[in-house]
Amino acid sequence: MSDLLFSFQQFLDPETILSQGGFYIVCLIVFLETGVFFAFFLPGDYLLFLAGMFCASGRIDVSIIVMFTGILLSGILGNAVGYWTGYRTGPMLFKKKDSFFFKRKYVIMAEEFFHKYGGPALIISRFVPIIRTFAPIFAGIVRLDLRKYISFNILGALIWVSTMTLSGYFLQLKFPQLDDYIEYIIIGMIAITSMPLIAAVLKKWWQEKKKK
């Protein structure tokens, strides 16, 4: 059991994913995390950032062009699967019982996020953990116009991957010593990207408290 837990922790560690799993595992994780509801816990933003860093430092044997293109396509396809899931089975998700791989509250959070920002929520959600996974699913549930969805999907993926992966790549080229601070970078990225989600949870908690 302890060996299984250790392996699972390694699978969630972006540094291990990049150094041992390589390009294809990165693309698989991005695909799953951007639209398959049971993969909401997988690393996202900082995995892209580190992918750019590792390309620049030569720690992964893939060019930045290949890495960028692979992640971009994976993010677009992942969201397409999320939309299809919501379109075909969306109402069932609201009735589905909570489990380790599914939390109904995340679908509700995505619903509120979507109603607040509309179609552009698909772009904004790329930068918000968990919401990133469930926003395309809810877009399918409400049956957002397919042309609009495709546009938001591609634009959101392009902005997200460009911001995260290319930032890591060019910062590593400019400051090669960044390799010595990977742990701090991961912690910082988690803190920054989690802030919108934490704010949303606190706001919801405060609203419920005021109703009592």
N, C-alpha and C. Protein backbone atom coordinates (compact mmCIF):
# COMPACT_ATOMS: atom_id res chain seq x y z
N MET A 1 0.83 -1.21 0.00
CA MET A 1 0.00 0.00 0.00
C MET A 1 0.87 1.26 0.00
N SER A 2 1.93 1.24 0.84
CA SER A 2 2.83 2.39 0.91
C SER A 2 3.55 2.61 -0.41
N ASP A 3 3.90 1.49 -1.09
CA ASP A 3 4.55 1.60 -2.40
C ASP A 3 3.61 2.23 -3.43
N LEU A 4 2.32 1.85 -3.35
CA LEU A 4 1.32 2.39 -4.27
C LEU A 4 1.13 3.88 -4.04
N LEU A 5 1.09 4.28 -2.76
CA LEU A 5 0.93 5.69 -2.41
C LEU A 5 2.13 6.49 -2.88
N PHE A 6 3.32 5.92 -2.72
CA PHE A 6 4.54 6.60 -3.17
C PHE A 6 4.53 6.79 -4.68
N SER A 7 4.09 5.76 -5.40
CA SER A 7 4.02 5.84 -6.86
C SER A 7 3.01 6.90 -7.29
N PHE A 8 1.89 6.96 -6.56
CA PHE A 8 0.84 7.96 -6.87
C PHE A 8 1.37 9.38 -6.64
N GLN A 9 2.12 9.57 -5.55
CA GLN A 9 2.69 10.87 -5.26
C GLN A 9 3.69 11.28 -6.33
N GLN A 10 4.47 10.30 -6.79
CA GLN A 10 5.41 10.58 -7.87
C GLN A 10 4.69 10.99 -9.14
N PHE A 11 3.56 10.34 -9.40
CA PHE A 11 2.78 10.64 -10.61
C PHE A 11 2.26 12.07 -10.58
N LEU A 12 1.99 12.59 -9.38
CA LEU A 12 1.48 13.95 -9.25
C LEU A 12 2.60 14.98 -9.18
N ASP A 13 3.85 14.53 -9.07
CA ASP A 13 4.98 15.43 -8.97
C ASP A 13 5.42 15.85 -10.37
N PRO A 14 5.29 17.13 -10.73
CA PRO A 14 5.60 17.55 -12.09
C PRO A 14 7.04 17.33 -12.49
N GLU A 15 7.96 17.45 -11.53
CA GLU A 15 9.37 17.24 -11.84
C GLU A 15 9.63 15.79 -12.24
N THR A 16 8.98 14.85 -11.54
CA THR A 16 9.10 13.44 -11.87
C THR A 16 8.46 13.14 -13.21
N ILE A 17 7.29 13.74 -13.45
CA ILE A 17 6.59 13.54 -14.72
C ILE A 17 7.48 13.95 -15.89
N LEU A 18 8.11 15.12 -15.76
CA LEU A 18 8.90 15.65 -16.86
C LEU A 18 10.21 14.89 -17.06
N SER A 19 10.88 14.56 -15.95
CA SER A 19 12.19 13.93 -16.07
C SER A 19 12.10 12.45 -16.43
N GLN A 20 11.03 11.78 -15.98
CA GLN A 20 10.90 10.34 -16.23
C GLN A 20 9.84 10.01 -17.29
N GLY A 21 8.76 10.76 -17.28
CA GLY A 21 7.67 10.45 -18.21
C GLY A 21 7.87 11.04 -19.59
N GLY A 22 8.43 12.26 -19.62
CA GLY A 22 8.70 12.88 -20.90
C GLY A 22 7.51 13.54 -21.56
N PHE A 23 7.68 13.87 -22.81
CA PHE A 23 6.74 14.65 -23.59
C PHE A 23 5.34 14.03 -23.65
N TYR A 24 5.26 12.75 -23.90
CA TYR A 24 3.95 12.11 -24.11
C TYR A 24 3.12 12.07 -22.83
N ILE A 25 3.77 11.87 -21.69
CA ILE A 25 3.04 11.86 -20.42
C ILE A 25 2.52 13.26 -20.10
N VAL A 26 3.34 14.28 -20.41
CA VAL A 26 2.90 15.66 -20.20
C VAL A 26 1.64 15.94 -21.01
N CYS A 27 1.65 15.56 -22.28
CA CYS A 27 0.50 15.78 -23.15
C CYS A 27 -0.73 15.01 -22.65
N LEU A 28 -0.52 13.79 -22.17
CA LEU A 28 -1.63 12.99 -21.65
C LEU A 28 -2.25 13.65 -20.43
N ILE A 29 -1.42 14.15 -19.52
CA ILE A 29 -1.93 14.78 -18.30
C ILE A 29 -2.68 16.06 -18.63
N VAL A 30 -2.16 16.87 -19.55
CA VAL A 30 -2.85 18.09 -19.96
C VAL A 30 -4.20 17.74 -20.58
N PHE A 31 -4.22 16.72 -21.42
CA PHE A 31 -5.48 16.28 -22.04
C PHE A 31 -6.50 15.88 -20.98
N LEU A 32 -6.09 15.08 -20.02
CA LEU A 32 -7.01 14.60 -18.99
C LEU A 32 -7.47 15.74 -18.08
N GLU A 33 -6.53 16.60 -17.67
CA GLU A 33 -6.85 17.63 -16.68
C GLU A 33 -7.70 18.75 -17.24
N THR A 34 -7.77 18.87 -18.56
CA THR A 34 -8.54 19.97 -19.16
C THR A 34 -9.93 19.56 -19.64
N GLY A 35 -10.43 18.41 -19.20
CA GLY A 35 -11.78 18.08 -19.63
C GLY A 35 -12.33 16.74 -19.20
N VAL A 36 -11.53 15.91 -18.54
CA VAL A 36 -12.02 14.61 -18.06
C VAL A 36 -12.25 14.75 -16.56
N PHE A 37 -13.50 14.68 -16.12
CA PHE A 37 -13.87 15.13 -14.77
C PHE A 37 -13.12 14.42 -13.65
N PHE A 38 -12.72 13.15 -13.85
CA PHE A 38 -12.06 12.44 -12.75
C PHE A 38 -10.57 12.80 -12.64
N ALA A 39 -10.07 13.71 -13.50
CA ALA A 39 -8.65 14.06 -13.50
C ALA A 39 -8.42 15.48 -12.98
N PHE A 40 -9.40 16.02 -12.24
CA PHE A 40 -9.29 17.40 -11.77
C PHE A 40 -8.11 17.63 -10.84
N PHE A 41 -7.59 16.57 -10.21
CA PHE A 41 -6.53 16.71 -9.22
C PHE A 41 -5.13 16.74 -9.84
N LEU A 42 -5.01 16.51 -11.13
CA LEU A 42 -3.70 16.44 -11.77
C LEU A 42 -3.05 17.82 -11.85
N PRO A 43 -1.71 17.87 -11.84
CA PRO A 43 -1.02 19.17 -11.90
C PRO A 43 -1.23 19.83 -13.26
N GLY A 44 -1.42 21.15 -13.26
CA GLY A 44 -1.70 21.84 -14.51
C GLY A 44 -0.72 22.95 -14.82
N ASP A 45 -0.98 24.13 -14.23
CA ASP A 45 -0.21 25.31 -14.59
C ASP A 45 1.30 25.13 -14.42
N TYR A 46 1.70 24.68 -13.25
CA TYR A 46 3.14 24.58 -13.00
C TYR A 46 3.78 23.46 -13.80
N LEU A 47 3.00 22.49 -14.24
CA LEU A 47 3.54 21.47 -15.14
C LEU A 47 3.92 22.11 -16.48
N LEU A 48 3.07 22.99 -16.98
CA LEU A 48 3.36 23.69 -18.23
C LEU A 48 4.57 24.60 -18.08
N PHE A 49 4.63 25.31 -16.95
CA PHE A 49 5.75 26.21 -16.69
C PHE A 49 7.07 25.44 -16.64
N LEU A 50 7.06 24.33 -15.92
CA LEU A 50 8.27 23.51 -15.80
C LEU A 50 8.62 22.84 -17.12
N ALA A 51 7.63 22.51 -17.93
CA ALA A 51 7.89 21.93 -19.25
C ALA A 51 8.71 22.90 -20.09
N GLY A 52 8.34 24.19 -20.02
CA GLY A 52 9.10 25.21 -20.73
C GLY A 52 10.51 25.33 -20.18
N MET A 53 10.64 25.31 -18.86
CA MET A 53 11.95 25.38 -18.24
C MET A 53 12.84 24.22 -18.65
N PHE A 54 12.27 23.02 -18.63
CA PHE A 54 13.05 21.82 -18.94
C PHE A 54 13.49 21.78 -20.40
N CYS A 55 12.64 22.33 -21.28
CA CYS A 55 13.03 22.43 -22.70
C CYS A 55 14.23 23.37 -22.85
N ALA A 56 14.19 24.48 -22.12
CA ALA A 56 15.27 25.47 -22.22
C ALA A 56 16.58 24.94 -21.64
N SER A 57 16.50 24.16 -20.56
CA SER A 57 17.71 23.67 -19.90
C SER A 57 18.22 22.35 -20.48
N GLY A 58 17.44 21.76 -21.40
CA GLY A 58 17.86 20.50 -22.01
C GLY A 58 17.60 19.29 -21.14
N ARG A 59 16.80 19.44 -20.09
CA ARG A 59 16.49 18.31 -19.21
C ARG A 59 15.43 17.40 -19.79
N ILE A 60 14.84 17.83 -20.87
CA ILE A 60 13.90 16.97 -21.59
C ILE A 60 14.24 17.09 -23.08
N ASP A 61 14.32 15.97 -23.75
CA ASP A 61 14.84 15.93 -25.12
C ASP A 61 13.76 16.23 -26.16
N VAL A 62 13.17 17.42 -26.03
CA VAL A 62 12.12 17.86 -26.96
C VAL A 62 12.30 19.36 -27.17
N SER A 63 12.13 19.82 -28.38
CA SER A 63 12.24 21.26 -28.64
C SER A 63 11.02 21.98 -28.09
N ILE A 64 11.16 23.28 -27.87
CA ILE A 64 10.04 24.06 -27.34
C ILE A 64 8.89 24.09 -28.33
N ILE A 65 9.19 24.04 -29.62
CA ILE A 65 8.13 24.06 -30.64
C ILE A 65 7.28 22.80 -30.54
N VAL A 66 7.94 21.65 -30.42
CA VAL A 66 7.22 20.38 -30.29
C VAL A 66 6.43 20.35 -28.99
N MET A 67 7.05 20.77 -27.89
CA MET A 67 6.39 20.78 -26.59
C MET A 67 5.17 21.71 -26.62
N PHE A 68 5.36 22.91 -27.14
CA PHE A 68 4.26 23.88 -27.21
C PHE A 68 3.10 23.34 -28.04
N THR A 69 3.40 22.80 -29.20
CA THR A 69 2.36 22.27 -30.09
C THR A 69 1.63 21.09 -29.46
N GLY A 70 2.38 20.19 -28.84
CA GLY A 70 1.78 19.02 -28.20
C GLY A 70 0.85 19.39 -27.07
N ILE A 71 1.29 20.32 -26.22
CA ILE A 71 0.46 20.76 -25.09
C ILE A 71 -0.77 21.51 -25.59
N LEU A 72 -0.57 22.35 -26.60
CA LEU A 72 -1.69 23.12 -27.15
C LEU A 72 -2.78 22.20 -27.69
N LEU A 73 -2.39 21.23 -28.50
CA LEU A 73 -3.37 20.29 -29.07
C LEU A 73 -4.03 19.45 -27.98
N SER A 74 -3.25 19.06 -26.97
CA SER A 74 -3.81 18.27 -25.86
C SER A 74 -4.84 19.06 -25.09
N GLY A 75 -4.57 20.36 -24.86
CA GLY A 75 -5.51 21.21 -24.15
C GLY A 75 -6.80 21.43 -24.94
N ILE A 76 -6.66 21.59 -26.25
CA ILE A 76 -7.85 21.78 -27.10
C ILE A 76 -8.69 20.50 -27.14
N LEU A 77 -8.04 19.37 -27.32
CA LEU A 77 -8.77 18.09 -27.38
C LEU A 77 -9.39 17.74 -26.04
N GLY A 78 -8.68 18.05 -24.94
CA GLY A 78 -9.23 17.79 -23.61
C GLY A 78 -10.52 18.54 -23.39
N ASN A 79 -10.53 19.83 -23.75
CA ASN A 79 -11.75 20.63 -23.61
C ASN A 79 -12.86 20.12 -24.51
N ALA A 80 -12.49 19.63 -25.69
CA ALA A 80 -13.50 19.08 -26.61
C ALA A 80 -14.18 17.86 -25.99
N VAL A 81 -13.39 17.01 -25.33
CA VAL A 81 -13.95 15.85 -24.63
C VAL A 81 -14.84 16.30 -23.47
N GLY A 82 -14.41 17.35 -22.75
CA GLY A 82 -15.22 17.88 -21.66
C GLY A 82 -16.57 18.38 -22.15
N TYR A 83 -16.57 19.10 -23.27
CA TYR A 83 -17.82 19.61 -23.86
C TYR A 83 -18.72 18.44 -24.26
N TRP A 84 -18.15 17.44 -24.91
CA TRP A 84 -18.93 16.28 -25.34
C TRP A 84 -19.52 15.55 -24.13
N THR A 85 -18.72 15.44 -23.04
CA THR A 85 -19.20 14.78 -21.82
C THR A 85 -20.40 15.51 -21.26
N GLY A 86 -20.29 16.85 -21.17
CA GLY A 86 -21.40 17.64 -20.65
C GLY A 86 -22.61 17.59 -21.56
N TYR A 87 -22.39 17.61 -22.85
CA TYR A 87 -23.48 17.59 -23.83
C TYR A 87 -24.26 16.29 -23.77
N ARG A 88 -23.54 15.18 -23.59
CA ARG A 88 -24.18 13.87 -23.64
C ARG A 88 -24.70 13.40 -22.28
N THR A 89 -23.97 13.68 -21.23
CA THR A 89 -24.33 13.10 -19.92
C THR A 89 -24.42 14.14 -18.81
N GLY A 90 -24.43 15.43 -19.18
CA GLY A 90 -24.40 16.49 -18.18
C GLY A 90 -25.39 16.37 -17.04
N PRO A 91 -26.70 16.27 -17.31
CA PRO A 91 -27.67 16.21 -16.22
C PRO A 91 -27.40 15.09 -15.21
N MET A 92 -26.81 14.01 -15.68
CA MET A 92 -26.50 12.89 -14.78
C MET A 92 -25.42 13.26 -13.77
N LEU A 93 -24.54 14.21 -14.13
CA LEU A 93 -23.46 14.59 -13.22
C LEU A 93 -23.99 15.28 -11.97
N PHE A 94 -25.12 15.99 -12.11
CA PHE A 94 -25.70 16.66 -10.95
C PHE A 94 -26.32 15.66 -9.97
N LYS A 95 -26.63 14.47 -10.47
CA LYS A 95 -27.22 13.43 -9.62
C LYS A 95 -26.17 12.44 -9.11
N LYS A 96 -24.99 12.47 -9.71
CA LYS A 96 -23.95 11.52 -9.36
C LYS A 96 -23.46 11.75 -7.93
N LYS A 97 -23.27 10.68 -7.17
CA LYS A 97 -22.80 10.80 -5.79
C LYS A 97 -21.31 11.11 -5.76
N ASP A 98 -20.92 11.82 -4.69
CA ASP A 98 -19.51 12.18 -4.54
C ASP A 98 -18.64 10.95 -4.33
N SER A 99 -17.44 11.01 -4.88
CA SER A 99 -16.44 9.97 -4.68
C SER A 99 -15.08 10.64 -4.75
N PHE A 100 -14.02 9.84 -4.60
CA PHE A 100 -12.67 10.40 -4.67
C PHE A 100 -12.43 11.06 -6.03
N PHE A 101 -13.01 10.47 -7.09
CA PHE A 101 -12.76 10.95 -8.44
C PHE A 101 -13.83 11.92 -8.94
N PHE A 102 -14.83 12.22 -8.11
CA PHE A 102 -15.87 13.14 -8.55
C PHE A 102 -16.45 13.89 -7.36
N LYS A 103 -16.56 15.22 -7.51
CA LYS A 103 -17.19 16.06 -6.50
C LYS A 103 -18.25 16.92 -7.19
N ARG A 104 -19.50 16.72 -6.78
CA ARG A 104 -20.59 17.45 -7.43
C ARG A 104 -20.46 18.96 -7.22
N LYS A 105 -19.84 19.35 -6.10
CA LYS A 105 -19.71 20.77 -5.81
C LYS A 105 -18.85 21.47 -6.87
N TYR A 106 -17.96 20.71 -7.50
CA TYR A 106 -17.11 21.32 -8.53
C TYR A 106 -17.91 21.64 -9.79
N VAL A 107 -18.89 20.82 -10.08
CA VAL A 107 -19.78 21.11 -11.22
C VAL A 107 -20.59 22.37 -10.92
N ILE A 108 -21.05 22.50 -9.67
CA ILE A 108 -21.81 23.67 -9.27
C ILE A 108 -20.95 24.92 -9.31
N MET A 109 -19.69 24.80 -8.86
CA MET A 109 -18.76 25.93 -8.92
C MET A 109 -18.53 26.36 -10.37
N ALA A 110 -18.39 25.37 -11.25
CA ALA A 110 -18.20 25.68 -12.67
C ALA A 110 -19.45 26.36 -13.24
N GLU A 111 -20.62 25.93 -12.77
CA GLU A 111 -21.87 26.55 -13.22
C GLU A 111 -21.91 28.03 -12.83
N GLU A 112 -21.57 28.32 -11.58
CA GLU A 112 -21.57 29.70 -11.11
C GLU A 112 -20.52 30.53 -11.86
N PHE A 113 -19.36 29.94 -12.09
CA PHE A 113 -18.28 30.61 -12.80
C PHE A 113 -18.72 30.93 -14.23
N PHE A 114 -19.40 29.98 -14.85
CA PHE A 114 -19.85 30.13 -16.23
C PHE A 114 -20.92 31.21 -16.34
N HIS A 115 -21.85 31.21 -15.39
CA HIS A 115 -22.91 32.22 -15.41
C HIS A 115 -22.35 33.63 -15.17
N LYS A 116 -21.28 33.71 -14.40
CA LYS A 116 -20.68 35.01 -14.09
C LYS A 116 -19.95 35.60 -15.29
N TYR A 117 -19.21 34.75 -16.01
CA TYR A 117 -18.34 35.25 -17.10
C TYR A 117 -18.84 34.91 -18.50
N GLY A 118 -19.85 34.04 -18.61
CA GLY A 118 -20.35 33.66 -19.93
C GLY A 118 -19.33 32.85 -20.71
N GLY A 119 -19.37 32.98 -22.04
CA GLY A 119 -18.46 32.24 -22.90
C GLY A 119 -16.98 32.45 -22.56
N PRO A 120 -16.56 33.71 -22.27
CA PRO A 120 -15.15 33.95 -21.94
C PRO A 120 -14.68 33.17 -20.70
N ALA A 121 -15.63 32.60 -19.94
CA ALA A 121 -15.24 31.77 -18.80
C ALA A 121 -14.33 30.62 -19.23
N LEU A 122 -14.51 30.18 -20.47
CA LEU A 122 -13.68 29.08 -20.98
C LEU A 122 -12.22 29.52 -21.15
N ILE A 123 -12.02 30.82 -21.38
CA ILE A 123 -10.66 31.34 -21.47
C ILE A 123 -10.09 31.57 -20.07
N ILE A 124 -10.86 32.25 -19.22
CA ILE A 124 -10.42 32.56 -17.86
C ILE A 124 -10.17 31.30 -17.06
N SER A 125 -11.05 30.30 -17.23
CA SER A 125 -10.96 29.08 -16.43
C SER A 125 -9.68 28.30 -16.67
N ARG A 126 -9.02 28.52 -17.80
CA ARG A 126 -7.76 27.82 -18.08
C ARG A 126 -6.74 28.07 -16.98
N PHE A 127 -6.87 29.22 -16.29
CA PHE A 127 -5.90 29.60 -15.28
C PHE A 127 -6.37 29.28 -13.86
N VAL A 128 -7.52 28.61 -13.74
CA VAL A 128 -8.07 28.31 -12.42
C VAL A 128 -8.17 26.79 -12.23
N PRO A 129 -7.38 26.22 -11.31
CA PRO A 129 -7.44 24.76 -11.08
C PRO A 129 -8.86 24.31 -10.77
N ILE A 130 -9.17 23.10 -11.13
CA ILE A 130 -10.48 22.44 -10.93
C ILE A 130 -11.54 23.05 -11.86
N ILE A 131 -11.71 24.39 -11.81
CA ILE A 131 -12.65 25.02 -12.74
C ILE A 131 -12.22 24.74 -14.17
N ARG A 132 -10.91 24.68 -14.39
CA ARG A 132 -10.38 24.37 -15.72
C ARG A 132 -10.91 23.04 -16.24
N THR A 133 -11.11 22.10 -15.36
CA THR A 133 -11.60 20.77 -15.75
C THR A 133 -13.10 20.78 -16.01
N PHE A 134 -13.85 21.50 -15.16
CA PHE A 134 -15.31 21.39 -15.20
C PHE A 134 -16.00 22.45 -16.07
N ALA A 135 -15.32 23.56 -16.39
CA ALA A 135 -15.95 24.60 -17.22
C ALA A 135 -16.37 24.08 -18.59
N PRO A 136 -15.51 23.34 -19.31
CA PRO A 136 -15.96 22.83 -20.61
C PRO A 136 -17.11 21.82 -20.49
N ILE A 137 -17.14 21.09 -19.39
CA ILE A 137 -18.23 20.15 -19.17
C ILE A 137 -19.54 20.90 -19.02
N PHE A 138 -19.51 22.00 -18.25
CA PHE A 138 -20.74 22.76 -18.07
C PHE A 138 -21.13 23.47 -19.36
N ALA A 139 -20.14 23.88 -20.16
CA ALA A 139 -20.47 24.48 -21.47
C ALA A 139 -21.25 23.49 -22.32
N GLY A 140 -20.91 22.21 -22.19
CA GLY A 140 -21.66 21.16 -22.90
C GLY A 140 -23.04 20.96 -22.31
N ILE A 141 -23.14 21.08 -21.00
CA ILE A 141 -24.44 20.92 -20.33
C ILE A 141 -25.44 21.98 -20.82
N VAL A 142 -24.98 23.24 -20.91
CA VAL A 142 -25.87 24.32 -21.34
C VAL A 142 -25.93 24.41 -22.87
N ARG A 143 -25.15 23.53 -23.53
CA ARG A 143 -25.14 23.44 -25.00
C ARG A 143 -24.78 24.78 -25.64
N LEU A 144 -23.67 25.34 -25.18
CA LEU A 144 -23.14 26.55 -25.79
C LEU A 144 -22.94 26.32 -27.28
N ASP A 145 -23.28 27.33 -28.08
CA ASP A 145 -23.14 27.23 -29.54
C ASP A 145 -21.76 26.67 -29.89
N LEU A 146 -21.74 25.64 -30.75
CA LEU A 146 -20.51 24.92 -31.04
C LEU A 146 -19.44 25.82 -31.65
N ARG A 147 -19.84 26.72 -32.53
CA ARG A 147 -18.86 27.61 -33.15
C ARG A 147 -18.20 28.52 -32.12
N LYS A 148 -19.04 29.05 -31.22
CA LYS A 148 -18.50 29.89 -30.14
C LYS A 148 -17.58 29.06 -29.25
N TYR A 149 -18.02 27.86 -28.96
CA TYR A 149 -17.22 27.00 -28.08
C TYR A 149 -15.85 26.72 -28.68
N ILE A 150 -15.82 26.38 -29.95
CA ILE A 150 -14.55 26.08 -30.62
C ILE A 150 -13.62 27.29 -30.58
N SER A 151 -14.19 28.48 -30.81
CA SER A 151 -13.38 29.71 -30.78
C SER A 151 -12.79 29.95 -29.40
N PHE A 152 -13.64 29.86 -28.35
CA PHE A 152 -13.17 30.08 -26.99
C PHE A 152 -12.17 29.00 -26.58
N ASN A 153 -12.42 27.79 -27.02
CA ASN A 153 -11.54 26.67 -26.69
C ASN A 153 -10.14 26.90 -27.24
N ILE A 154 -10.06 27.20 -28.52
CA ILE A 154 -8.75 27.39 -29.16
C ILE A 154 -8.04 28.62 -28.60
N LEU A 155 -8.78 29.73 -28.47
CA LEU A 155 -8.17 30.96 -27.95
C LEU A 155 -7.69 30.79 -26.52
N GLY A 156 -8.51 30.14 -25.69
CA GLY A 156 -8.14 29.91 -24.30
C GLY A 156 -6.90 29.04 -24.19
N ALA A 157 -6.85 27.98 -24.97
CA ALA A 157 -5.69 27.09 -24.94
C ALA A 157 -4.43 27.81 -25.40
N LEU A 158 -4.56 28.62 -26.43
CA LEU A 158 -3.42 29.35 -26.98
C LEU A 158 -2.86 30.34 -25.95
N ILE A 159 -3.75 31.08 -25.29
CA ILE A 159 -3.31 32.05 -24.28
C ILE A 159 -2.68 31.33 -23.09
N TRP A 160 -3.31 30.26 -22.62
CA TRP A 160 -2.83 29.50 -21.45
C TRP A 160 -1.46 28.90 -21.71
N VAL A 161 -1.33 28.18 -22.79
CA VAL A 161 -0.07 27.50 -23.09
C VAL A 161 1.04 28.51 -23.38
N SER A 162 0.71 29.58 -24.10
CA SER A 162 1.71 30.61 -24.39
C SER A 162 2.20 31.26 -23.10
N THR A 163 1.27 31.61 -22.23
CA THR A 163 1.63 32.28 -20.97
C THR A 163 2.49 31.39 -20.09
N MET A 164 2.05 30.15 -19.87
CA MET A 164 2.72 29.28 -18.90
C MET A 164 4.00 28.65 -19.47
N THR A 165 3.91 28.02 -20.62
CA THR A 165 5.05 27.28 -21.16
C THR A 165 6.15 28.21 -21.66
N LEU A 166 5.79 29.23 -22.40
CA LEU A 166 6.80 30.14 -22.94
C LEU A 166 7.43 31.00 -21.84
N SER A 167 6.66 31.30 -20.78
CA SER A 167 7.24 32.02 -19.64
C SER A 167 8.35 31.19 -19.00
N GLY A 168 8.04 29.92 -18.78
CA GLY A 168 9.06 29.03 -18.20
C GLY A 168 10.28 28.90 -19.09
N TYR A 169 10.04 28.81 -20.39
CA TYR A 169 11.14 28.63 -21.35
C TYR A 169 12.07 29.85 -21.37
N PHE A 170 11.51 31.03 -21.53
CA PHE A 170 12.35 32.23 -21.68
C PHE A 170 12.96 32.67 -20.35
N LEU A 171 12.27 32.44 -19.25
CA LEU A 171 12.86 32.76 -17.95
C LEU A 171 14.06 31.86 -17.66
N GLN A 172 13.95 30.58 -18.04
CA GLN A 172 15.07 29.66 -17.85
C GLN A 172 16.27 30.07 -18.71
N LEU A 173 16.01 30.51 -19.93
CA LEU A 173 17.11 30.98 -20.80
C LEU A 173 17.77 32.22 -20.21
N LYS A 174 16.94 33.11 -19.65
CA LYS A 174 17.46 34.36 -19.09
C LYS A 174 18.15 34.14 -17.76
N PHE A 175 17.58 33.23 -16.94
CA PHE A 175 18.13 32.98 -15.60
C PHE A 175 18.36 31.47 -15.42
N PRO A 176 19.48 30.95 -15.90
CA PRO A 176 19.75 29.50 -15.82
C PRO A 176 19.74 28.94 -14.40
N GLN A 177 19.97 29.81 -13.41
CA GLN A 177 20.00 29.37 -12.01
C GLN A 177 18.62 29.02 -11.46
N LEU A 178 17.57 29.25 -12.26
CA LEU A 178 16.21 28.91 -11.80
C LEU A 178 16.07 27.44 -11.46
N ASP A 179 16.88 26.61 -12.09
CA ASP A 179 16.85 25.17 -11.82
C ASP A 179 17.04 24.86 -10.35
N ASP A 180 17.75 25.72 -9.64
CA ASP A 180 18.05 25.48 -8.22
C ASP A 180 16.86 25.82 -7.32
N TYR A 181 15.82 26.39 -7.90
CA TYR A 181 14.70 26.86 -7.08
C TYR A 181 13.37 26.27 -7.54
N ILE A 182 13.43 25.07 -8.12
CA ILE A 182 12.21 24.46 -8.66
C ILE A 182 11.13 24.28 -7.60
N GLU A 183 11.53 23.82 -6.40
CA GLU A 183 10.55 23.59 -5.34
C GLU A 183 9.81 24.87 -4.98
N TYR A 184 10.55 25.97 -4.90
CA TYR A 184 9.93 27.26 -4.55
C TYR A 184 9.04 27.75 -5.68
N ILE A 185 9.45 27.49 -6.90
CA ILE A 185 8.64 27.88 -8.06
C ILE A 185 7.30 27.16 -8.04
N ILE A 186 7.34 25.85 -7.76
CA ILE A 186 6.11 25.05 -7.70
C ILE A 186 5.17 25.57 -6.62
N ILE A 187 5.74 25.83 -5.43
CA ILE A 187 4.93 26.33 -4.32
C ILE A 187 4.31 27.68 -4.68
N GLY A 188 5.11 28.55 -5.28
CA GLY A 188 4.62 29.86 -5.70
C GLY A 188 3.53 29.77 -6.73
N MET A 189 3.71 28.87 -7.71
CA MET A 189 2.71 28.70 -8.77
C MET A 189 1.41 28.17 -8.20
N ILE A 190 1.51 27.21 -7.28
CA ILE A 190 0.31 26.66 -6.65
C ILE A 190 -0.44 27.76 -5.89
N ALA A 191 0.31 28.57 -5.14
CA ALA A 191 -0.31 29.65 -4.36
C ALA A 191 -1.01 30.66 -5.26
N ILE A 192 -0.34 31.07 -6.34
CA ILE A 192 -0.90 32.09 -7.24
C ILE A 192 -2.14 31.57 -7.97
N THR A 193 -2.04 30.36 -8.53
CA THR A 193 -3.15 29.84 -9.32
C THR A 193 -4.33 29.40 -8.45
N SER A 194 -4.08 29.15 -7.18
CA SER A 194 -5.16 28.71 -6.29
C SER A 194 -5.94 29.88 -5.70
N MET A 195 -5.40 31.08 -5.81
CA MET A 195 -6.06 32.24 -5.19
C MET A 195 -7.48 32.48 -5.69
N PRO A 196 -7.75 32.44 -7.01
CA PRO A 196 -9.13 32.64 -7.46
C PRO A 196 -10.09 31.59 -6.92
N LEU A 197 -9.62 30.34 -6.84
CA LEU A 197 -10.47 29.26 -6.32
C LEU A 197 -10.74 29.45 -4.84
N ILE A 198 -9.72 29.81 -4.08
CA ILE A 198 -9.88 30.05 -2.64
C ILE A 198 -10.83 31.22 -2.40
N ALA A 199 -10.68 32.26 -3.21
CA ALA A 199 -11.55 33.44 -3.08
C ALA A 199 -13.01 33.07 -3.34
N ALA A 200 -13.24 32.23 -4.36
CA ALA A 200 -14.60 31.81 -4.69
C ALA A 200 -15.21 30.98 -3.56
N VAL A 201 -14.42 30.09 -2.98
CA VAL A 201 -14.90 29.25 -1.87
C VAL A 201 -15.24 30.10 -0.66
N LEU A 202 -14.36 31.06 -0.33
CA LEU A 202 -14.59 31.94 0.82
C LEU A 202 -15.82 32.81 0.61
N LYS A 203 -15.99 33.29 -0.62
CA LYS A 203 -17.15 34.12 -0.93
C LYS A 203 -18.45 33.34 -0.76
N LYS A 204 -18.44 32.10 -1.25
CA LYS A 204 -19.62 31.24 -1.13
C LYS A 204 -19.91 30.94 0.34
N TRP A 205 -18.85 30.68 1.12
CA TRP A 205 -19.00 30.40 2.55
C TRP A 205 -19.59 31.61 3.27
N TRP A 206 -19.12 32.81 2.92
CA TRP A 206 -19.59 34.03 3.57
C TRP A 206 -21.06 34.30 3.23
N GLN A 207 -21.42 34.05 1.97
CA GLN A 207 -22.81 34.26 1.55
C GLN A 207 -23.74 33.31 2.29
N GLU A 208 -23.33 32.06 2.44
CA GLU A 208 -24.15 31.09 3.15
C GLU A 208 -24.25 31.43 4.63
N LYS A 209 -23.19 31.96 5.18
CA LYS A 209 -23.18 32.35 6.59
C LYS A 209 -24.14 33.51 6.83
N LYS A 210 -24.19 34.46 5.89
CA LYS A 210 -25.07 35.62 6.04
C LYS A 210 -26.55 35.24 5.95
N LYS A 211 -26.83 34.14 5.24
CA LYS A 211 -28.22 33.70 5.09
C LYS A 211 -28.75 33.08 6.37
N LYS A 212 -27.85 32.56 7.22
CA LYS A 212 -28.29 31.87 8.45
C LYS A 212 -28.74 32.88 9.50
